[in-house]
Every structure is written in structure tokens, then in C-alpha cells.
Amino acid sequence: MSHTPHELAEEFPNHIEQLHDLKMNNAHFVKLAELYHDVNREIHRIETGIEAASEIHETSLRKQRVMLKDHIAEMLDKT
């Protein structure tokens, strides 16, 4: 299987320990990270042609990914 870009560890390489700590201790973060992962994987499937989607749907997913990433970044900044 090909590498999926935009995984959280790649997006926040200087916060690997914080990501792990939040994953182990913060239920809200776990939900956000799972949603980010699901959206990111869907975008990757669309980009690689595994899954078909309208341009509107793909754009919506990309916006959702950015929103989730921003929220995760805020959580990382607070820890």
C-alpha cells in the first residue's frame, strides 16, 4: 500500500511526544485524531483514484481536514 501523506506525525514532527500523551490521556483529542485520520484517508483514496468523488465533496473534505488540523494544533500549543 502506498504512503498516505498528511498523517499527524508528519504534520507535527516536533510534537510526537505530545501527540502520544494526548492520545493516551485526552478522549476529546482521540476523537479529533480519529476523525482527522478518517478524513485524511478518504482524501488519499480520492487522490489516488481508488474512490470517486465530486470536486465539491473533495473540497469539503480538504476544508474539514484543515479545520481539524487547526484544532489539533491549538491543543498541542496548550500542552
C-alpha atoms as a PDB file:
ATOM      1  CA  MET A   1       0.000   0.000   0.000  1.00  0.00           C
ATOM      2  CA  SER A   2       1.221   3.484  -0.752  1.00  0.00           C
ATOM      3  CA  HIS A   3       2.212   6.010   1.867  1.00  0.00           C
ATOM      4  CA  THR A   4      -0.630   8.260   2.994  1.00  0.00           C
ATOM      5  CA  PRO A   5       0.555  11.872   3.258  1.00  0.00           C
ATOM      6  CA  HIS A   6      -0.563  14.339   5.925  1.00  0.00           C
ATOM      7  CA  GLU A   7      -0.534  11.920   8.858  1.00  0.00           C
ATOM      8  CA  LEU A   8      -0.426  13.761  12.190  1.00  0.00           C
ATOM      9  CA  ALA A   9       3.127  12.663  12.996  1.00  0.00           C
ATOM     10  CA  GLU A  10       4.268  14.206   9.693  1.00  0.00           C
ATOM     11  CA  GLU A  11       2.222  17.349  10.174  1.00  0.00           C
ATOM     12  CA  PHE A  12       3.581  17.884  13.707  1.00  0.00           C
ATOM     13  CA  PRO A  13       7.046  16.267  13.737  1.00  0.00           C
ATOM     14  CA  ASN A  14       8.181  18.351  16.721  1.00  0.00           C
ATOM     15  CA  HIS A  15       5.226  17.224  18.826  1.00  0.00           C
ATOM     16  CA  ILE A  16       5.432  13.420  18.639  1.00  0.00           C
ATOM     17  CA  GLU A  17       5.531  13.005  22.431  1.00  0.00           C
ATOM     18  CA  GLN A  18       2.655  15.446  22.921  1.00  0.00           C
ATOM     19  CA  LEU A  19       0.586  13.614  20.301  1.00  0.00           C
ATOM     20  CA  HIS A  20       1.179  10.348  22.123  1.00  0.00           C
ATOM     21  CA  ASP A  21       0.385  11.848  25.542  1.00  0.00           C
ATOM     22  CA  LEU A  22      -2.840  13.406  24.272  1.00  0.00           C
ATOM     23  CA  LYS A  23      -3.813  10.142  22.607  1.00  0.00           C
ATOM     24  CA  MET A  24      -3.331   8.295  25.884  1.00  0.00           C
ATOM     25  CA  ASN A  25      -4.954  10.872  28.192  1.00  0.00           C
ATOM     26  CA  ASN A  26      -7.462  13.024  26.329  1.00  0.00           C
ATOM     27  CA  ALA A  27     -10.687  11.494  24.982  1.00  0.00           C
ATOM     28  CA  HIS A  28     -11.552  14.649  23.010  1.00  0.00           C
ATOM     29  CA  PHE A  29      -8.175  14.537  21.278  1.00  0.00           C
ATOM     30  CA  VAL A  30      -8.671  10.842  20.450  1.00  0.00           C
ATOM     31  CA  LYS A  31     -11.985  11.658  18.734  1.00  0.00           C
ATOM     32  CA  LEU A  32     -10.402  14.539  16.780  1.00  0.00           C
ATOM     33  CA  ALA A  33      -7.414  12.433  15.765  1.00  0.00           C
ATOM     34  CA  GLU A  34      -9.654   9.567  14.607  1.00  0.00           C
ATOM     35  CA  LEU A  35     -11.826  11.939  12.589  1.00  0.00           C
ATOM     36  CA  TYR A  36      -8.713  13.574  11.087  1.00  0.00           C
ATOM     37  CA  HIS A  37      -7.365  10.134  10.197  1.00  0.00           C
ATOM     38  CA  ASP A  38     -10.657   9.091   8.556  1.00  0.00           C
ATOM     39  CA  VAL A  39     -10.935  12.304   6.531  1.00  0.00           C
ATOM     40  CA  ASN A  40      -7.279  12.183   5.538  1.00  0.00           C
ATOM     41  CA  ARG A  41      -7.552   8.576   4.360  1.00  0.00           C
ATOM     42  CA  GLU A  42     -10.666   9.384   2.328  1.00  0.00           C
ATOM     43  CA  ILE A  43      -8.878  12.283   0.639  1.00  0.00           C
ATOM     44  CA  HIS A  44      -5.943   9.988  -0.138  1.00  0.00           C
ATOM     45  CA  ARG A  45      -8.257   7.369  -1.677  1.00  0.00           C
ATOM     46  CA  ILE A  46      -9.806  10.081  -3.864  1.00  0.00           C
ATOM     47  CA  GLU A  47      -6.412  11.464  -4.885  1.00  0.00           C
ATOM     48  CA  THR A  48      -5.138   8.029  -5.881  1.00  0.00           C
ATOM     49  CA  GLY A  49      -8.274   7.139  -7.842  1.00  0.00           C
ATOM     50  CA  ILE A  50      -9.374   4.330  -5.519  1.00  0.00           C
ATOM     51  CA  GLU A  51     -12.546   6.214  -4.676  1.00  0.00           C
ATOM     52  CA  ALA A  52     -14.561   8.584  -6.856  1.00  0.00           C
ATOM     53  CA  ALA A  53     -15.879  11.879  -5.527  1.00  0.00           C
ATOM     54  CA  SER A  54     -17.163  15.158  -6.846  1.00  0.00           C
ATOM     55  CA  GLU A  55     -14.905  18.168  -6.730  1.00  0.00           C
ATOM     56  CA  ILE A  56     -17.281  19.761  -4.224  1.00  0.00           C
ATOM     57  CA  HIS A  57     -17.039  16.762  -1.899  1.00  0.00           C
ATOM     58  CA  GLU A  58     -13.251  16.633  -2.160  1.00  0.00           C
ATOM     59  CA  THR A  59     -13.012  20.366  -1.421  1.00  0.00           C
ATOM     60  CA  SER A  60     -15.296  19.938   1.566  1.00  0.00           C
ATOM     61  CA  LEU A  61     -13.108  17.135   2.901  1.00  0.00           C
ATOM     62  CA  ARG A  62      -9.974  19.229   2.467  1.00  0.00           C
ATOM     63  CA  LYS A  63     -11.567  22.105   4.401  1.00  0.00           C
ATOM     64  CA  GLN A  64     -12.611  19.700   7.138  1.00  0.00           C
ATOM     65  CA  ARG A  65      -9.054  18.342   7.360  1.00  0.00           C
ATOM     66  CA  VAL A  66      -7.645  21.863   7.728  1.00  0.00           C
ATOM     67  CA  MET A  67     -10.187  22.691  10.441  1.00  0.00           C
ATOM     68  CA  LEU A  68      -9.323  19.510  12.359  1.00  0.00           C
ATOM     69  CA  LYS A  69      -5.598  20.133  11.954  1.00  0.00           C
ATOM     70  CA  ASP A  70      -6.010  23.679  13.295  1.00  0.00           C
ATOM     71  CA  HIS A  71      -7.945  22.403  16.300  1.00  0.00           C
ATOM     72  CA  ILE A  72      -5.288  19.759  16.985  1.00  0.00           C
ATOM     73  CA  ALA A  73      -2.559  22.412  16.673  1.00  0.00           C
ATOM     74  CA  GLU A  74      -4.370  24.536  19.272  1.00  0.00           C
ATOM     75  CA  MET A  75      -4.459  21.563  21.631  1.00  0.00           C
ATOM     76  CA  LEU A  76      -0.753  20.941  21.104  1.00  0.00           C
ATOM     77  CA  ASP A  77       0.037  24.600  21.797  1.00  0.00           C
ATOM     78  CA  LYS A  78      -1.811  24.397  25.116  1.00  0.00           C
ATOM     79  CA  THR A  79       0.160  21.394  26.380  1.00  0.00           C
END
